Amino acid sequence: MRSPSEIKRVIEGRLKSYLSRDKTGIRREVLRLFLSFKSVTITELVAELQQRFSVTFHAIASMVGIIASRIGILRAIRNADGVNTYRLKEKYIDIVVRIVGVT
């Protein structure tokens, strides 16, 4: 079984690898939005991102899915209407701030 510090190192490596393939800056901006909004839906993310990028709902939903499942830093909470709200897990906020930076 992995120790908490080892898990954080693995998560950090995955996040750095994921962001190294970010040619447009959208992935970094998605993570910055999670830092600033704390809790957000895909629809809210798309509305914010469409102000600066040409994105679709499906593309952002895919990004959030990868960040939640493969990287493992998001928590999904389904409300009564069946809409998922996502938030960064508290224990990984420091890693995201360090890697992405907050502007």
N, C-alpha and C. Protein backbone atom coordinates (compact mmCIF):
# COMPACT_ATOMS: atom_id res chain seq x y z
N MET A 1 0.84 -1.18 0.00
CA MET A 1 0.00 0.00 0.00
C MET A 1 0.89 1.25 0.00
N ARG A 2 0.46 2.24 -0.76
CA ARG A 2 1.26 3.46 -0.89
C ARG A 2 1.00 4.41 0.27
N SER A 3 2.04 5.14 0.63
CA SER A 3 1.90 6.16 1.66
C SER A 3 1.26 7.41 1.05
N PRO A 4 0.68 8.28 1.88
CA PRO A 4 0.08 9.52 1.35
C PRO A 4 1.06 10.38 0.56
N SER A 5 2.30 10.44 1.00
CA SER A 5 3.29 11.25 0.27
C SER A 5 3.61 10.62 -1.08
N GLU A 6 3.65 9.31 -1.14
CA GLU A 6 3.91 8.64 -2.41
C GLU A 6 2.74 8.84 -3.37
N ILE A 7 1.52 8.80 -2.86
CA ILE A 7 0.33 9.04 -3.69
C ILE A 7 0.37 10.45 -4.26
N LYS A 8 0.75 11.43 -3.43
CA LYS A 8 0.85 12.81 -3.90
C LYS A 8 1.89 12.94 -5.00
N ARG A 9 3.01 12.24 -4.89
CA ARG A 9 4.05 12.28 -5.93
C ARG A 9 3.52 11.70 -7.24
N VAL A 10 2.77 10.61 -7.14
CA VAL A 10 2.19 9.99 -8.33
C VAL A 10 1.19 10.94 -8.99
N ILE A 11 0.33 11.55 -8.18
CA ILE A 11 -0.67 12.50 -8.69
C ILE A 11 0.04 13.68 -9.35
N GLU A 12 1.08 14.18 -8.72
CA GLU A 12 1.83 15.31 -9.27
C GLU A 12 2.45 14.95 -10.61
N GLY A 13 2.99 13.76 -10.72
CA GLY A 13 3.56 13.30 -11.99
C GLY A 13 2.52 13.20 -13.08
N ARG A 14 1.36 12.65 -12.74
CA ARG A 14 0.27 12.54 -13.71
C ARG A 14 -0.19 13.91 -14.17
N LEU A 15 -0.31 14.84 -13.23
CA LEU A 15 -0.78 16.18 -13.56
C LEU A 15 0.23 16.91 -14.45
N LYS A 16 1.50 16.80 -14.14
CA LYS A 16 2.54 17.42 -14.96
C LYS A 16 2.54 16.83 -16.37
N SER A 17 2.39 15.53 -16.47
CA SER A 17 2.34 14.88 -17.78
C SER A 17 1.13 15.35 -18.57
N TYR A 18 -0.02 15.44 -17.92
CA TYR A 18 -1.25 15.89 -18.56
C TYR A 18 -1.10 17.32 -19.07
N LEU A 19 -0.52 18.18 -18.26
CA LEU A 19 -0.36 19.59 -18.65
C LEU A 19 0.75 19.80 -19.68
N SER A 20 1.68 18.86 -19.77
CA SER A 20 2.75 19.00 -20.77
C SER A 20 2.21 18.89 -22.19
N ARG A 21 1.03 18.28 -22.34
CA ARG A 21 0.40 18.15 -23.65
C ARG A 21 -0.62 19.26 -23.91
N ASP A 22 -0.61 20.30 -23.11
CA ASP A 22 -1.57 21.41 -23.22
C ASP A 22 -1.03 22.47 -24.18
N LYS A 23 -1.39 22.36 -25.44
CA LYS A 23 -0.88 23.29 -26.46
C LYS A 23 -1.58 24.64 -26.44
N THR A 24 -2.85 24.68 -26.02
CA THR A 24 -3.63 25.91 -26.10
C THR A 24 -3.80 26.64 -24.77
N GLY A 25 -3.52 25.97 -23.67
CA GLY A 25 -3.69 26.58 -22.36
C GLY A 25 -5.05 26.31 -21.74
N ILE A 26 -5.90 25.56 -22.43
CA ILE A 26 -7.24 25.29 -21.91
C ILE A 26 -7.18 24.43 -20.65
N ARG A 27 -6.33 23.43 -20.64
CA ARG A 27 -6.24 22.54 -19.48
C ARG A 27 -5.83 23.31 -18.22
N ARG A 28 -4.84 24.17 -18.37
CA ARG A 28 -4.41 24.99 -17.23
C ARG A 28 -5.53 25.90 -16.78
N GLU A 29 -6.26 26.46 -17.73
CA GLU A 29 -7.35 27.36 -17.39
C GLU A 29 -8.48 26.61 -16.67
N VAL A 30 -8.76 25.39 -17.07
CA VAL A 30 -9.78 24.58 -16.39
C VAL A 30 -9.38 24.39 -14.93
N LEU A 31 -8.12 24.07 -14.70
CA LEU A 31 -7.65 23.88 -13.32
C LEU A 31 -7.69 25.19 -12.53
N ARG A 32 -7.35 26.30 -13.17
CA ARG A 32 -7.44 27.60 -12.49
C ARG A 32 -8.89 27.91 -12.10
N LEU A 33 -9.82 27.56 -12.98
CA LEU A 33 -11.24 27.79 -12.67
C LEU A 33 -11.68 26.94 -11.48
N PHE A 34 -11.17 25.71 -11.39
CA PHE A 34 -11.49 24.89 -10.21
C PHE A 34 -10.94 25.52 -8.95
N LEU A 35 -9.78 26.14 -9.05
CA LEU A 35 -9.22 26.81 -7.87
C LEU A 35 -10.04 28.04 -7.48
N SER A 36 -10.52 28.77 -8.45
CA SER A 36 -11.24 30.00 -8.13
C SER A 36 -12.70 29.77 -7.77
N PHE A 37 -13.36 28.81 -8.41
CA PHE A 37 -14.78 28.58 -8.14
C PHE A 37 -15.04 27.59 -7.02
N LYS A 38 -14.08 26.79 -6.68
CA LYS A 38 -14.21 25.74 -5.66
C LYS A 38 -15.13 24.60 -6.10
N SER A 39 -16.36 24.92 -6.53
CA SER A 39 -17.33 23.92 -6.94
C SER A 39 -18.00 24.41 -8.21
N VAL A 40 -18.00 23.58 -9.28
CA VAL A 40 -18.47 24.05 -10.58
C VAL A 40 -19.04 22.90 -11.40
N THR A 41 -20.00 23.22 -12.26
CA THR A 41 -20.56 22.24 -13.19
C THR A 41 -19.87 22.39 -14.54
N ILE A 42 -20.07 21.41 -15.41
CA ILE A 42 -19.49 21.46 -16.75
C ILE A 42 -20.06 22.68 -17.50
N THR A 43 -21.35 22.91 -17.36
CA THR A 43 -21.99 24.04 -18.04
C THR A 43 -21.35 25.36 -17.63
N GLU A 44 -21.07 25.53 -16.34
CA GLU A 44 -20.43 26.76 -15.86
C GLU A 44 -19.01 26.88 -16.40
N LEU A 45 -18.29 25.77 -16.44
CA LEU A 45 -16.93 25.79 -17.00
C LEU A 45 -16.96 26.21 -18.47
N VAL A 46 -17.88 25.61 -19.23
CA VAL A 46 -17.97 25.93 -20.65
C VAL A 46 -18.28 27.42 -20.85
N ALA A 47 -19.21 27.95 -20.06
CA ALA A 47 -19.56 29.37 -20.18
C ALA A 47 -18.35 30.26 -19.93
N GLU A 48 -17.56 29.95 -18.92
CA GLU A 48 -16.36 30.74 -18.62
C GLU A 48 -15.30 30.59 -19.72
N LEU A 49 -15.09 29.37 -20.16
CA LEU A 49 -14.03 29.12 -21.14
C LEU A 49 -14.37 29.66 -22.53
N GLN A 50 -15.64 29.71 -22.89
CA GLN A 50 -16.03 30.22 -24.20
C GLN A 50 -15.76 31.71 -24.35
N GLN A 51 -15.51 32.40 -23.26
CA GLN A 51 -15.15 33.81 -23.34
C GLN A 51 -13.74 34.00 -23.90
N ARG A 52 -12.88 32.99 -23.75
CA ARG A 52 -11.48 33.10 -24.19
C ARG A 52 -11.06 32.06 -25.21
N PHE A 53 -11.78 30.93 -25.27
CA PHE A 53 -11.40 29.83 -26.14
C PHE A 53 -12.60 29.37 -26.96
N SER A 54 -12.31 28.70 -28.05
CA SER A 54 -13.37 28.06 -28.83
C SER A 54 -13.46 26.61 -28.34
N VAL A 55 -14.44 26.33 -27.47
CA VAL A 55 -14.57 25.01 -26.87
C VAL A 55 -16.02 24.53 -26.99
N THR A 56 -16.17 23.22 -26.88
CA THR A 56 -17.51 22.63 -26.87
C THR A 56 -17.78 21.99 -25.51
N PHE A 57 -19.03 21.77 -25.24
CA PHE A 57 -19.42 21.12 -23.99
C PHE A 57 -18.76 19.75 -23.89
N HIS A 58 -18.79 19.00 -24.99
CA HIS A 58 -18.24 17.65 -24.98
C HIS A 58 -16.73 17.65 -24.69
N ALA A 59 -16.00 18.59 -25.27
CA ALA A 59 -14.55 18.66 -25.05
C ALA A 59 -14.23 18.94 -23.59
N ILE A 60 -14.97 19.86 -22.99
CA ILE A 60 -14.71 20.20 -21.58
C ILE A 60 -15.14 19.06 -20.67
N ALA A 61 -16.26 18.42 -21.00
CA ALA A 61 -16.70 17.27 -20.21
C ALA A 61 -15.66 16.16 -20.24
N SER A 62 -15.04 15.95 -21.40
CA SER A 62 -13.99 14.94 -21.52
C SER A 62 -12.77 15.31 -20.68
N MET A 63 -12.38 16.58 -20.73
CA MET A 63 -11.24 17.04 -19.91
C MET A 63 -11.50 16.82 -18.44
N VAL A 64 -12.68 17.20 -17.99
CA VAL A 64 -13.02 17.06 -16.57
C VAL A 64 -13.06 15.58 -16.20
N GLY A 65 -13.57 14.74 -17.08
CA GLY A 65 -13.59 13.30 -16.82
C GLY A 65 -12.20 12.72 -16.65
N ILE A 66 -11.28 13.15 -17.49
CA ILE A 66 -9.90 12.67 -17.39
C ILE A 66 -9.27 13.16 -16.09
N ILE A 67 -9.49 14.42 -15.76
CA ILE A 67 -8.92 14.98 -14.53
C ILE A 67 -9.49 14.25 -13.31
N ALA A 68 -10.77 13.92 -13.37
CA ALA A 68 -11.41 13.25 -12.23
C ALA A 68 -11.01 11.79 -12.12
N SER A 69 -10.99 11.07 -13.24
CA SER A 69 -10.77 9.63 -13.17
C SER A 69 -9.31 9.21 -13.27
N ARG A 70 -8.61 9.71 -14.26
CA ARG A 70 -7.22 9.28 -14.46
C ARG A 70 -6.24 9.96 -13.52
N ILE A 71 -6.41 11.26 -13.34
CA ILE A 71 -5.50 11.98 -12.45
C ILE A 71 -5.97 11.83 -11.01
N GLY A 72 -7.27 11.89 -10.80
CA GLY A 72 -7.84 11.61 -9.48
C GLY A 72 -7.86 12.77 -8.51
N ILE A 73 -7.92 14.01 -9.02
CA ILE A 73 -7.87 15.15 -8.10
C ILE A 73 -9.22 15.84 -7.92
N LEU A 74 -10.26 15.33 -8.61
CA LEU A 74 -11.58 15.94 -8.49
C LEU A 74 -12.56 15.01 -7.78
N ARG A 75 -13.51 15.62 -7.11
CA ARG A 75 -14.61 14.90 -6.50
C ARG A 75 -15.87 15.31 -7.25
N ALA A 76 -16.65 14.31 -7.68
CA ALA A 76 -17.92 14.58 -8.38
C ALA A 76 -19.07 14.38 -7.40
N ILE A 77 -19.97 15.35 -7.38
CA ILE A 77 -21.14 15.30 -6.50
C ILE A 77 -22.38 15.47 -7.37
N ARG A 78 -23.25 14.47 -7.37
CA ARG A 78 -24.46 14.53 -8.19
C ARG A 78 -25.59 15.10 -7.36
N ASN A 79 -26.27 16.14 -7.88
CA ASN A 79 -27.38 16.73 -7.15
C ASN A 79 -28.68 16.00 -7.49
N ALA A 80 -29.80 16.46 -6.95
CA ALA A 80 -31.10 15.80 -7.14
C ALA A 80 -31.54 15.81 -8.59
N ASP A 81 -31.10 16.79 -9.37
CA ASP A 81 -31.47 16.88 -10.79
C ASP A 81 -30.60 16.00 -11.68
N GLY A 82 -29.62 15.34 -11.10
CA GLY A 82 -28.72 14.48 -11.87
C GLY A 82 -27.55 15.20 -12.50
N VAL A 83 -27.33 16.46 -12.11
CA VAL A 83 -26.21 17.25 -12.64
C VAL A 83 -25.01 17.10 -11.71
N ASN A 84 -23.87 16.76 -12.28
CA ASN A 84 -22.66 16.62 -11.48
C ASN A 84 -22.03 17.98 -11.23
N THR A 85 -21.62 18.19 -9.99
CA THR A 85 -20.82 19.34 -9.60
C THR A 85 -19.45 18.79 -9.23
N TYR A 86 -18.41 19.45 -9.70
CA TYR A 86 -17.04 18.99 -9.45
C TYR A 86 -16.30 19.98 -8.59
N ARG A 87 -15.42 19.44 -7.74
CA ARG A 87 -14.55 20.28 -6.93
C ARG A 87 -13.22 19.57 -6.73
N LEU A 88 -12.18 20.37 -6.56
CA LEU A 88 -10.86 19.80 -6.27
C LEU A 88 -10.87 19.17 -4.89
N LYS A 89 -10.25 18.02 -4.77
CA LYS A 89 -10.10 17.41 -3.46
C LYS A 89 -9.14 18.27 -2.64
N GLU A 90 -9.51 18.50 -1.40
CA GLU A 90 -8.73 19.39 -0.51
C GLU A 90 -7.26 19.01 -0.45
N LYS A 91 -6.97 17.71 -0.39
CA LYS A 91 -5.59 17.28 -0.20
C LYS A 91 -4.71 17.52 -1.42
N TYR A 92 -5.31 17.88 -2.58
CA TYR A 92 -4.52 18.12 -3.79
C TYR A 92 -4.49 19.58 -4.22
N ILE A 93 -5.14 20.45 -3.49
CA ILE A 93 -5.17 21.87 -3.86
C ILE A 93 -3.75 22.45 -3.90
N ASP A 94 -2.93 22.10 -2.92
CA ASP A 94 -1.57 22.64 -2.88
C ASP A 94 -0.74 22.22 -4.10
N ILE A 95 -0.94 21.00 -4.57
CA ILE A 95 -0.22 20.53 -5.76
C ILE A 95 -0.66 21.32 -6.99
N VAL A 96 -1.97 21.50 -7.13
CA VAL A 96 -2.50 22.22 -8.29
C VAL A 96 -2.02 23.67 -8.27
N VAL A 97 -2.03 24.30 -7.11
CA VAL A 97 -1.57 25.69 -7.00
C VAL A 97 -0.10 25.78 -7.39
N ARG A 98 0.70 24.84 -6.92
CA ARG A 98 2.14 24.86 -7.22
C ARG A 98 2.41 24.64 -8.71
N ILE A 99 1.70 23.73 -9.33
CA ILE A 99 1.96 23.40 -10.73
C ILE A 99 1.34 24.40 -11.69
N VAL A 100 0.09 24.78 -11.43
CA VAL A 100 -0.63 25.66 -12.35
C VAL A 100 -0.35 27.11 -12.03
N GLY A 101 -0.20 27.43 -10.75
CA GLY A 101 -0.04 28.81 -10.35
C GLY A 101 -1.39 29.50 -10.35
N VAL A 102 -1.53 30.51 -9.56
CA VAL A 102 -2.78 31.26 -9.48
C VAL A 102 -2.50 32.69 -9.89
N THR A 103 -3.25 33.15 -10.89
CA THR A 103 -3.04 34.52 -11.39
C THR A 103 -4.15 35.41 -10.94
